[in-house]
Amino acid sequence: MTHMTRDDFARLLARARTVIADAAPSAHILCNELAQAERLVQDHVVPWPADIHAAFIDHRHGGDLYAAFTREALMAEVASFSREWWPEIRDRRDPSTLSDEEAASIYFDAHEEEYLWTDRISIEAPAVDSSHALRVGRHLVISTSHIRPATADLLDQWAPMIPESRPLGVAEAGYGWFVLTDPLDGLEREMVPNELWAAIEFARAQGCRWLLLDRDADCVDSLETFEW
């Protein structure tokens, strides 16, 4: 893996939580913490403050602003400026033989009209705009053909019921149903038809907490299909 987006990381956390919940149902505390981390990643550009190294060079033509995630990267930029204008300080040393820190320090100490300011700034993570947050892929959409008509009747019965009276979370979606993919065991698991459970497990394997069964959606080759 050479690149990971914020959404990729959130889905990775969701998949890890799913695997842990399956392997150790008693690990609910860890699963809850992972769920909180998922929400934090989803709701912010980054889930933690970012330290930025910044520099401002004040010179006769105006000013240049630099920023980097490390001091080394920042000073490489500042040193490049210093080496470019090195003749202005009439220093006989070869700036290419000096370290970035040395080149910058010597240049700005000797130059009478140019100044360097550097600082390390901590930037709080901004919240993601709600319109973008809704785009996070936390649900999987597949065809209702992956469940039997009798199972569809069950979903219709369960959708209006209070959570305590049904084996799993279900919401009617107009042309199908939203189904919660959280782990089940015991009697609750026994009440869920096998083909529906297979679809739920498939969604969980993709790191999705919700399965949307939609009559207009595509079918998945690895899941059984049924005539309606």
C-alpha atoms as a PDB file:
ATOM      1  CA  MET A   1       0.000   0.000   0.000  1.00  0.00           C
ATOM      2  CA  THR A   2       1.554   3.272  -1.148  1.00  0.00           C
ATOM      3  CA  HIS A   3      -1.344   5.664  -0.566  1.00  0.00           C
ATOM      4  CA  MET A   4      -4.206   5.859   1.923  1.00  0.00           C
ATOM      5  CA  THR A   5      -6.981   8.418   2.064  1.00  0.00           C
ATOM      6  CA  ARG A   6      -8.913   9.413   5.169  1.00  0.00           C
ATOM      7  CA  ASP A   7     -11.851   7.300   3.996  1.00  0.00           C
ATOM      8  CA  ASP A   8      -9.551   4.323   3.362  1.00  0.00           C
ATOM      9  CA  PHE A   9      -8.291   4.582   6.948  1.00  0.00           C
ATOM     10  CA  ALA A  10     -11.822   4.744   8.356  1.00  0.00           C
ATOM     11  CA  ARG A  11     -12.782   1.634   6.411  1.00  0.00           C
ATOM     12  CA  LEU A  12      -9.634  -0.133   7.621  1.00  0.00           C
ATOM     13  CA  LEU A  13     -10.618   0.584  11.231  1.00  0.00           C
ATOM     14  CA  ALA A  14     -14.103  -0.751  10.522  1.00  0.00           C
ATOM     15  CA  ARG A  15     -12.710  -3.971   9.055  1.00  0.00           C
ATOM     16  CA  ALA A  16     -10.383  -4.430  12.030  1.00  0.00           C
ATOM     17  CA  ARG A  17     -13.302  -3.945  14.417  1.00  0.00           C
ATOM     18  CA  THR A  18     -15.316  -6.528  12.503  1.00  0.00           C
ATOM     19  CA  VAL A  19     -12.542  -9.135  12.670  1.00  0.00           C
ATOM     20  CA  ILE A  20     -11.983  -8.547  16.391  1.00  0.00           C
ATOM     21  CA  ALA A  21     -15.701  -8.783  17.146  1.00  0.00           C
ATOM     22  CA  ASP A  22     -15.943 -12.061  15.233  1.00  0.00           C
ATOM     23  CA  ALA A  23     -12.895 -13.610  16.883  1.00  0.00           C
ATOM     24  CA  ALA A  24     -13.527 -12.386  20.425  1.00  0.00           C
ATOM     25  CA  PRO A  25     -17.113 -11.319  21.190  1.00  0.00           C
ATOM     26  CA  SER A  26     -15.993 -10.350  24.705  1.00  0.00           C
ATOM     27  CA  ALA A  27     -13.671  -7.645  23.325  1.00  0.00           C
ATOM     28  CA  HIS A  28     -16.505  -5.115  23.300  1.00  0.00           C
ATOM     29  CA  ILE A  29     -14.471  -2.351  24.983  1.00  0.00           C
ATOM     30  CA  LEU A  30     -11.831  -2.437  22.248  1.00  0.00           C
ATOM     31  CA  CYS A  31     -14.523  -2.577  19.562  1.00  0.00           C
ATOM     32  CA  ASN A  32     -16.221   0.488  21.058  1.00  0.00           C
ATOM     33  CA  GLU A  33     -12.919   2.375  21.048  1.00  0.00           C
ATOM     34  CA  LEU A  34     -12.341   1.435  17.420  1.00  0.00           C
ATOM     35  CA  ALA A  35     -15.851   2.618  16.557  1.00  0.00           C
ATOM     36  CA  GLN A  36     -15.076   5.973  18.221  1.00  0.00           C
ATOM     37  CA  ALA A  37     -11.845   6.186  16.224  1.00  0.00           C
ATOM     38  CA  GLU A  38     -13.789   5.522  13.018  1.00  0.00           C
ATOM     39  CA  ARG A  39     -16.136   8.418  13.755  1.00  0.00           C
ATOM     40  CA  LEU A  40     -13.206  10.688  14.615  1.00  0.00           C
ATOM     41  CA  VAL A  41     -11.500   9.893  11.320  1.00  0.00           C
ATOM     42  CA  GLN A  42     -14.715  10.382   9.375  1.00  0.00           C
ATOM     43  CA  ASP A  43     -15.629  13.701  11.000  1.00  0.00           C
ATOM     44  CA  HIS A  44     -12.240  15.422  10.672  1.00  0.00           C
ATOM     45  CA  VAL A  45      -9.738  16.013   7.904  1.00  0.00           C
ATOM     46  CA  VAL A  46      -7.205  14.365  10.219  1.00  0.00           C
ATOM     47  CA  PRO A  47      -8.193  12.993  13.641  1.00  0.00           C
ATOM     48  CA  TRP A  48      -5.406  14.759  15.530  1.00  0.00           C
ATOM     49  CA  PRO A  49      -3.614  18.135  15.544  1.00  0.00           C
ATOM     50  CA  ALA A  50      -0.813  18.535  12.993  1.00  0.00           C
ATOM     51  CA  ASP A  51       2.516  20.175  13.859  1.00  0.00           C
ATOM     52  CA  ILE A  52       3.720  22.416  11.025  1.00  0.00           C
ATOM     53  CA  HIS A  53       7.171  23.981  10.768  1.00  0.00           C
ATOM     54  CA  ALA A  54       6.855  27.426   9.201  1.00  0.00           C
ATOM     55  CA  ALA A  55       9.344  30.053   8.042  1.00  0.00           C
ATOM     56  CA  PHE A  56       8.990  33.596   6.733  1.00  0.00           C
ATOM     57  CA  ILE A  57      11.777  35.409   4.899  1.00  0.00           C
ATOM     58  CA  ASP A  58      11.455  39.199   4.857  1.00  0.00           C
ATOM     59  CA  HIS A  59      13.476  40.643   1.957  1.00  0.00           C
ATOM     60  CA  ARG A  60      13.541  43.784  -0.165  1.00  0.00           C
ATOM     61  CA  HIS A  61      11.213  42.323  -2.796  1.00  0.00           C
ATOM     62  CA  GLY A  62       8.565  41.381  -0.250  1.00  0.00           C
ATOM     63  CA  GLY A  63       8.425  38.112   1.621  1.00  0.00           C
ATOM     64  CA  ASP A  64       8.427  34.341   1.141  1.00  0.00           C
ATOM     65  CA  LEU A  65       6.498  31.901   3.300  1.00  0.00           C
ATOM     66  CA  TYR A  66       7.503  28.253   3.679  1.00  0.00           C
ATOM     67  CA  ALA A  67       5.898  25.350   5.523  1.00  0.00           C
ATOM     68  CA  ALA A  68       6.796  21.691   6.020  1.00  0.00           C
ATOM     69  CA  PHE A  69       6.037  18.794   8.319  1.00  0.00           C
ATOM     70  CA  THR A  70       9.650  18.563   9.545  1.00  0.00           C
ATOM     71  CA  ARG A  71      12.337  21.071  10.506  1.00  0.00           C
ATOM     72  CA  GLU A  72      14.745  19.390   8.093  1.00  0.00           C
ATOM     73  CA  ALA A  73      12.419  19.821   5.111  1.00  0.00           C
ATOM     74  CA  LEU A  74      11.724  23.429   6.070  1.00  0.00           C
ATOM     75  CA  MET A  75      15.387  24.381   6.392  1.00  0.00           C
ATOM     76  CA  ALA A  76      16.165  22.734   3.061  1.00  0.00           C
ATOM     77  CA  GLU A  77      13.836  25.305   1.464  1.00  0.00           C
ATOM     78  CA  VAL A  78      15.316  28.190   3.448  1.00  0.00           C
ATOM     79  CA  ALA A  79      18.868  27.068   2.649  1.00  0.00           C
ATOM     80  CA  SER A  80      18.022  26.943  -1.054  1.00  0.00           C
ATOM     81  CA  PHE A  81      17.062  30.630  -0.866  1.00  0.00           C
ATOM     82  CA  SER A  82      20.225  31.419   1.101  1.00  0.00           C
ATOM     83  CA  ARG A  83      22.514  29.685  -1.398  1.00  0.00           C
ATOM     84  CA  GLU A  84      20.827  31.393  -4.353  1.00  0.00           C
ATOM     85  CA  TRP A  85      21.512  34.851  -2.907  1.00  0.00           C
ATOM     86  CA  TRP A  86      24.793  33.984  -1.155  1.00  0.00           C
ATOM     87  CA  PRO A  87      26.912  36.539  -3.122  1.00  0.00           C
ATOM     88  CA  GLU A  88      24.998  39.339  -1.392  1.00  0.00           C
ATOM     89  CA  ILE A  89      26.728  38.676   1.945  1.00  0.00           C
ATOM     90  CA  ARG A  90      30.251  38.541   0.439  1.00  0.00           C
ATOM     91  CA  ASP A  91      31.159  35.404   2.377  1.00  0.00           C
ATOM     92  CA  ARG A  92      33.978  33.447   0.732  1.00  0.00           C
ATOM     93  CA  ARG A  93      32.787  30.086   1.988  1.00  0.00           C
ATOM     94  CA  ASP A  94      31.140  27.744  -0.499  1.00  0.00           C
ATOM     95  CA  PRO A  95      27.501  27.439   0.670  1.00  0.00           C
ATOM     96  CA  SER A  96      27.157  24.063  -1.040  1.00  0.00           C
ATOM     97  CA  THR A  97      29.607  22.615   1.496  1.00  0.00           C
ATOM     98  CA  LEU A  98      27.538  23.827   4.454  1.00  0.00           C
ATOM     99  CA  SER A  99      24.580  22.098   6.038  1.00  0.00           C
ATOM    100  CA  ASP A 100      21.154  23.625   5.495  1.00  0.00           C
ATOM    101  CA  GLU A 101      21.061  24.975   9.051  1.00  0.00           C
ATOM    102  CA  GLU A 102      24.557  26.466   8.725  1.00  0.00           C
ATOM    103  CA  ALA A 103      23.879  28.067   5.350  1.00  0.00           C
ATOM    104  CA  ALA A 104      20.686  29.710   6.583  1.00  0.00           C
ATOM    105  CA  SER A 105      22.210  30.854   9.874  1.00  0.00           C
ATOM    106  CA  ILE A 106      25.294  32.407   8.258  1.00  0.00           C
ATOM    107  CA  TYR A 107      23.310  34.098   5.495  1.00  0.00           C
ATOM    108  CA  PHE A 108      20.716  35.802   7.681  1.00  0.00           C
ATOM    109  CA  ASP A 109      23.226  36.722  10.396  1.00  0.00           C
ATOM    110  CA  ALA A 110      25.341  38.489   7.791  1.00  0.00           C
ATOM    111  CA  HIS A 111      22.611  40.075   5.673  1.00  0.00           C
ATOM    112  CA  GLU A 112      21.610  43.513   6.917  1.00  0.00           C
ATOM    113  CA  GLU A 113      18.303  43.825   5.037  1.00  0.00           C
ATOM    114  CA  GLU A 114      16.812  40.352   5.137  1.00  0.00           C
ATOM    115  CA  TYR A 115      15.375  38.502   8.109  1.00  0.00           C
ATOM    116  CA  LEU A 116      14.288  34.960   8.863  1.00  0.00           C
ATOM    117  CA  TRP A 117      11.497  33.937  11.232  1.00  0.00           C
ATOM    118  CA  THR A 118      10.803  30.280  12.027  1.00  0.00           C
ATOM    119  CA  ASP A 119       8.314  28.625  14.337  1.00  0.00           C
ATOM    120  CA  ARG A 120       6.577  25.334  15.007  1.00  0.00           C
ATOM    121  CA  ILE A 121       2.795  25.654  14.848  1.00  0.00           C
ATOM    122  CA  SER A 122       0.179  23.171  16.020  1.00  0.00           C
ATOM    123  CA  ILE A 123      -2.948  23.224  13.839  1.00  0.00           C
ATOM    124  CA  GLU A 124      -6.149  21.691  15.181  1.00  0.00           C
ATOM    125  CA  ALA A 125      -7.918  19.282  12.872  1.00  0.00           C
ATOM    126  CA  PRO A 126     -10.936  20.985  11.268  1.00  0.00           C
ATOM    127  CA  ALA A 127     -14.243  19.176  11.141  1.00  0.00           C
ATOM    128  CA  VAL A 128     -15.321  17.864   7.770  1.00  0.00           C
ATOM    129  CA  ASP A 129     -18.234  19.623   6.092  1.00  0.00           C
ATOM    130  CA  SER A 130     -21.332  17.523   6.690  1.00  0.00           C
ATOM    131  CA  SER A 131     -22.050  17.321   2.965  1.00  0.00           C
ATOM    132  CA  HIS A 132     -18.707  15.595   2.485  1.00  0.00           C
ATOM    133  CA  ALA A 133     -19.036  13.410   5.558  1.00  0.00           C
ATOM    134  CA  LEU A 134     -22.108  11.782   4.031  1.00  0.00           C
ATOM    135  CA  ARG A 135     -19.972  10.466   1.208  1.00  0.00           C
ATOM    136  CA  VAL A 136     -17.935   8.159   3.427  1.00  0.00           C
ATOM    137  CA  GLY A 137     -18.485   4.609   2.204  1.00  0.00           C
ATOM    138  CA  ARG A 138     -19.938   2.971   5.312  1.00  0.00           C
ATOM    139  CA  HIS A 139     -22.698   1.026   3.578  1.00  0.00           C
ATOM    140  CA  LEU A 140     -22.726  -1.572   0.826  1.00  0.00           C
ATOM    141  CA  VAL A 141     -25.473  -1.601  -1.807  1.00  0.00           C
ATOM    142  CA  ILE A 142     -26.458  -4.939  -3.395  1.00  0.00           C
ATOM    143  CA  SER A 143     -29.540  -6.347  -5.073  1.00  0.00           C
ATOM    144  CA  THR A 144     -32.549  -7.645  -3.157  1.00  0.00           C
ATOM    145  CA  SER A 145     -32.172 -10.715  -5.383  1.00  0.00           C
ATOM    146  CA  HIS A 146     -29.674 -11.987  -2.817  1.00  0.00           C
ATOM    147  CA  ILE A 147     -32.490 -12.718  -0.338  1.00  0.00           C
ATOM    148  CA  ARG A 148     -35.605 -14.863  -0.686  1.00  0.00           C
ATOM    149  CA  PRO A 149     -39.055 -13.236  -0.948  1.00  0.00           C
ATOM    150  CA  ALA A 150     -39.902 -14.823   2.413  1.00  0.00           C
ATOM    151  CA  THR A 151     -36.884 -13.067   3.945  1.00  0.00           C
ATOM    152  CA  ALA A 152     -38.103  -9.797   2.466  1.00  0.00           C
ATOM    153  CA  ASP A 153     -41.402 -10.363   4.263  1.00  0.00           C
ATOM    154  CA  LEU A 154     -39.463 -10.808   7.520  1.00  0.00           C
ATOM    155  CA  LEU A 155     -37.617  -7.525   6.948  1.00  0.00           C
ATOM    156  CA  ASP A 156     -40.947  -5.785   6.384  1.00  0.00           C
ATOM    157  CA  GLN A 157     -42.151  -7.188   9.709  1.00  0.00           C
ATOM    158  CA  TRP A 158     -38.998  -6.252  11.619  1.00  0.00           C
ATOM    159  CA  ALA A 159     -38.553  -2.699  10.249  1.00  0.00           C
ATOM    160  CA  PRO A 160     -41.371  -1.026  12.275  1.00  0.00           C
ATOM    161  CA  MET A 161     -40.604  -2.971  15.468  1.00  0.00           C
ATOM    162  CA  ILE A 162     -38.697  -1.497  18.408  1.00  0.00           C
ATOM    163  CA  PRO A 163     -35.023  -2.604  18.522  1.00  0.00           C
ATOM    164  CA  GLU A 164     -35.544  -4.866  21.536  1.00  0.00           C
ATOM    165  CA  SER A 165     -38.173  -6.903  19.683  1.00  0.00           C
ATOM    166  CA  ARG A 166     -36.233  -7.794  16.532  1.00  0.00           C
ATOM    167  CA  PRO A 167     -33.002  -9.745  15.999  1.00  0.00           C
ATOM    168  CA  LEU A 168     -31.164  -7.047  14.049  1.00  0.00           C
ATOM    169  CA  GLY A 169     -31.415  -3.410  13.023  1.00  0.00           C
ATOM    170  CA  VAL A 170     -33.611  -2.891   9.955  1.00  0.00           C
ATOM    171  CA  ALA A 171     -34.956   0.242   8.277  1.00  0.00           C
ATOM    172  CA  GLU A 172     -37.282   0.370   5.272  1.00  0.00           C
ATOM    173  CA  ALA A 173     -35.674   2.288   2.385  1.00  0.00           C
ATOM    174  CA  GLY A 174     -38.437   2.680  -0.194  1.00  0.00           C
ATOM    175  CA  TYR A 175     -37.051   0.221  -2.724  1.00  0.00           C
ATOM    176  CA  GLY A 176     -35.390  -2.053  -0.187  1.00  0.00           C
ATOM    177  CA  TRP A 177     -33.986  -2.145   3.343  1.00  0.00           C
ATOM    178  CA  PHE A 178     -31.046  -0.914   5.374  1.00  0.00           C
ATOM    179  CA  VAL A 179     -29.725  -3.751   7.540  1.00  0.00           C
ATOM    180  CA  LEU A 180     -27.241  -3.276  10.395  1.00  0.00           C
ATOM    181  CA  THR A 181     -24.241  -5.616  10.071  1.00  0.00           C
ATOM    182  CA  ASP A 182     -23.207  -5.801  13.734  1.00  0.00           C
ATOM    183  CA  PRO A 183     -22.291  -9.304  15.025  1.00  0.00           C
ATOM    184  CA  LEU A 184     -25.077 -11.534  16.340  1.00  0.00           C
ATOM    185  CA  ASP A 185     -25.056 -14.740  18.340  1.00  0.00           C
ATOM    186  CA  GLY A 186     -27.434 -17.137  20.050  1.00  0.00           C
ATOM    187  CA  LEU A 187     -31.157 -16.837  19.350  1.00  0.00           C
ATOM    188  CA  GLU A 188     -30.801 -13.577  17.431  1.00  0.00           C
ATOM    189  CA  ARG A 189     -28.456 -15.211  14.937  1.00  0.00           C
ATOM    190  CA  GLU A 190     -30.772 -18.216  14.555  1.00  0.00           C
ATOM    191  CA  MET A 191     -33.660 -15.913  13.616  1.00  0.00           C
ATOM    192  CA  VAL A 192     -31.780 -14.468  10.628  1.00  0.00           C
ATOM    193  CA  PRO A 193     -32.161 -16.481   7.378  1.00  0.00           C
ATOM    194  CA  ASN A 194     -28.889 -17.902   6.100  1.00  0.00           C
ATOM    195  CA  GLU A 195     -28.835 -16.051   2.779  1.00  0.00           C
ATOM    196  CA  LEU A 196     -29.388 -12.731   4.572  1.00  0.00           C
ATOM    197  CA  TRP A 197     -26.630 -13.553   7.013  1.00  0.00           C
ATOM    198  CA  ALA A 198     -24.291 -14.348   4.102  1.00  0.00           C
ATOM    199  CA  ALA A 199     -25.011 -10.907   2.637  1.00  0.00           C
ATOM    200  CA  ILE A 200     -24.438  -9.279   6.038  1.00  0.00           C
ATOM    201  CA  GLU A 201     -21.088 -11.030   6.464  1.00  0.00           C
ATOM    202  CA  PHE A 202     -20.095  -9.980   2.950  1.00  0.00           C
ATOM    203  CA  ALA A 203     -20.824  -6.332   3.806  1.00  0.00           C
ATOM    204  CA  ARG A 204     -18.891  -6.570   7.062  1.00  0.00           C
ATOM    205  CA  ALA A 205     -15.905  -8.040   5.222  1.00  0.00           C
ATOM    206  CA  GLN A 206     -15.822  -4.837   3.161  1.00  0.00           C
ATOM    207  CA  GLY A 207     -15.717  -2.746   6.353  1.00  0.00           C
ATOM    208  CA  CYS A 208     -19.342  -1.589   6.035  1.00  0.00           C
ATOM    209  CA  ARG A 209     -21.629  -1.241   9.036  1.00  0.00           C
ATOM    210  CA  TRP A 210     -24.813  -1.078   6.965  1.00  0.00           C
ATOM    211  CA  LEU A 211     -26.073  -3.242   4.124  1.00  0.00           C
ATOM    212  CA  LEU A 212     -28.534  -1.657   1.703  1.00  0.00           C
ATOM    213  CA  LEU A 213     -30.637  -4.181  -0.162  1.00  0.00           C
ATOM    214  CA  ASP A 214     -31.989  -2.340  -3.207  1.00  0.00           C
ATOM    215  CA  ARG A 215     -34.053  -3.884  -5.974  1.00  0.00           C
ATOM    216  CA  ASP A 216     -32.258  -1.768  -8.609  1.00  0.00           C
ATOM    217  CA  ALA A 217     -28.724  -2.526  -7.376  1.00  0.00           C
ATOM    218  CA  ASP A 218     -26.200  -4.920  -8.882  1.00  0.00           C
ATOM    219  CA  CYS A 219     -25.724  -8.542  -7.895  1.00  0.00           C
ATOM    220  CA  VAL A 220     -22.532  -9.947  -6.367  1.00  0.00           C
ATOM    221  CA  ASP A 221     -21.053 -13.076  -7.944  1.00  0.00           C
ATOM    222  CA  SER A 222     -20.054 -14.613  -4.617  1.00  0.00           C
ATOM    223  CA  LEU A 223     -23.589 -14.480  -3.166  1.00  0.00           C
ATOM    224  CA  GLU A 224     -26.534 -16.693  -4.036  1.00  0.00           C
ATOM    225  CA  THR A 225     -29.427 -15.139  -5.987  1.00  0.00           C
ATOM    226  CA  PHE A 226     -33.145 -15.946  -5.906  1.00  0.00           C
ATOM    227  CA  GLU A 227     -36.105 -15.513  -8.226  1.00  0.00           C
ATOM    228  CA  TRP A 228     -38.734 -12.985  -7.162  1.00  0.00           C
END
